[in-house]
Amino acid sequence: MRYKKEFDPKCLDLAEVFLEDEPAINTDRTCDELALAIQQAIENFIAAKIAEQIEAEARPQLRIVRNNHDNGNPS
């Protein structure tokens, strides 16, 4: 029996490929668990890359604010 489906079907495909070589643990449940872990890893990676991009875009403005503050201009 399959349980929660909170992952992209491609994650399930990938999990199935990896578990083909592991017959002792190759069950629907384990496959779903691995698919969910793959999905979470992808989401974490994307979130980290977006955060890096936001930080990189904000860095020049932060330098201006710091320079203004250091030079006695609070704005």
Protein backbone atom coordinates (compact mmCIF):
# COMPACT_ATOMS: atom_id res chain seq x y z
CA MET A 1 0.00 0.00 0.00
CA ARG A 2 1.32 3.44 -0.99
CA TYR A 3 1.15 6.19 1.62
CA LYS A 4 1.54 9.98 1.44
CA LYS A 5 2.23 11.32 -2.03
CA GLU A 6 3.96 14.65 -1.41
CA PHE A 7 6.65 14.37 -4.04
CA ASP A 8 7.08 14.83 -7.75
CA PRO A 9 6.54 11.61 -9.72
CA LYS A 10 10.08 11.96 -11.10
CA CYS A 11 11.39 11.61 -7.54
CA LEU A 12 9.52 8.33 -7.29
CA ASP A 13 11.01 7.19 -10.60
CA LEU A 14 14.50 7.98 -9.30
CA ALA A 15 13.85 6.21 -6.00
CA GLU A 16 12.65 3.12 -7.84
CA VAL A 17 15.82 3.05 -9.96
CA PHE A 18 18.07 3.26 -6.90
CA LEU A 19 16.13 0.64 -4.95
CA GLU A 20 16.20 -1.89 -7.81
CA ASP A 21 19.64 -2.94 -6.53
CA GLU A 22 18.39 -3.28 -2.93
CA PRO A 23 15.79 -6.08 -2.96
CA ALA A 24 15.84 -6.46 0.84
CA ILE A 25 14.42 -2.95 1.30
CA ASN A 26 12.69 -2.41 -2.05
CA THR A 27 9.11 -1.96 -0.88
CA ASP A 28 6.45 0.57 -1.86
CA ARG A 29 6.80 2.27 1.50
CA THR A 30 10.61 2.49 1.33
CA CYS A 31 10.38 3.75 -2.22
CA ASP A 32 7.91 6.45 -1.16
CA GLU A 33 10.16 7.40 1.77
CA LEU A 34 13.17 7.73 -0.52
CA ALA A 35 11.14 9.73 -3.05
CA LEU A 36 10.06 12.08 -0.27
CA ALA A 37 13.69 12.45 0.89
CA ILE A 38 14.77 13.20 -2.69
CA GLN A 39 11.99 15.79 -3.03
CA GLN A 40 13.02 17.44 0.25
CA ALA A 41 16.70 17.52 -0.79
CA ILE A 42 15.75 19.20 -4.07
CA GLU A 43 13.55 21.76 -2.30
CA ASN A 44 16.31 22.50 0.23
CA PHE A 45 18.85 22.94 -2.59
CA ILE A 46 16.55 25.32 -4.49
CA ALA A 47 15.76 27.32 -1.34
CA ALA A 48 19.48 27.69 -0.58
CA LYS A 49 20.22 28.87 -4.12
CA ILE A 50 17.38 31.41 -3.97
CA ALA A 51 18.68 32.68 -0.61
CA GLU A 52 22.18 33.02 -2.12
CA GLN A 53 20.75 34.98 -5.04
CA ILE A 54 18.77 37.31 -2.76
CA GLU A 55 21.84 37.88 -0.60
CA ALA A 56 24.03 38.58 -3.64
CA GLU A 57 21.50 41.09 -4.96
CA ALA A 58 21.21 42.81 -1.56
CA ARG A 59 24.96 42.96 -0.88
CA PRO A 60 25.63 46.21 -2.84
CA GLN A 61 22.78 48.00 -1.07
CA LEU A 62 24.02 46.77 2.31
CA ARG A 63 27.47 48.19 1.53
CA ILE A 64 25.93 51.59 0.81
CA VAL A 65 23.97 51.52 4.08
CA ARG A 66 27.07 50.48 6.05
CA ASN A 67 29.20 53.15 4.39
CA ASN A 68 26.58 55.80 5.12
CA HIS A 69 26.36 54.66 8.73
CA ASP A 70 30.14 54.60 9.14
CA ASN A 71 30.36 58.13 7.68
CA GLY A 72 27.72 59.51 10.06
CA ASN A 73 24.83 59.45 7.57
CA PRO A 74 22.10 57.31 9.19
CA SER A 75 19.93 57.17 6.05
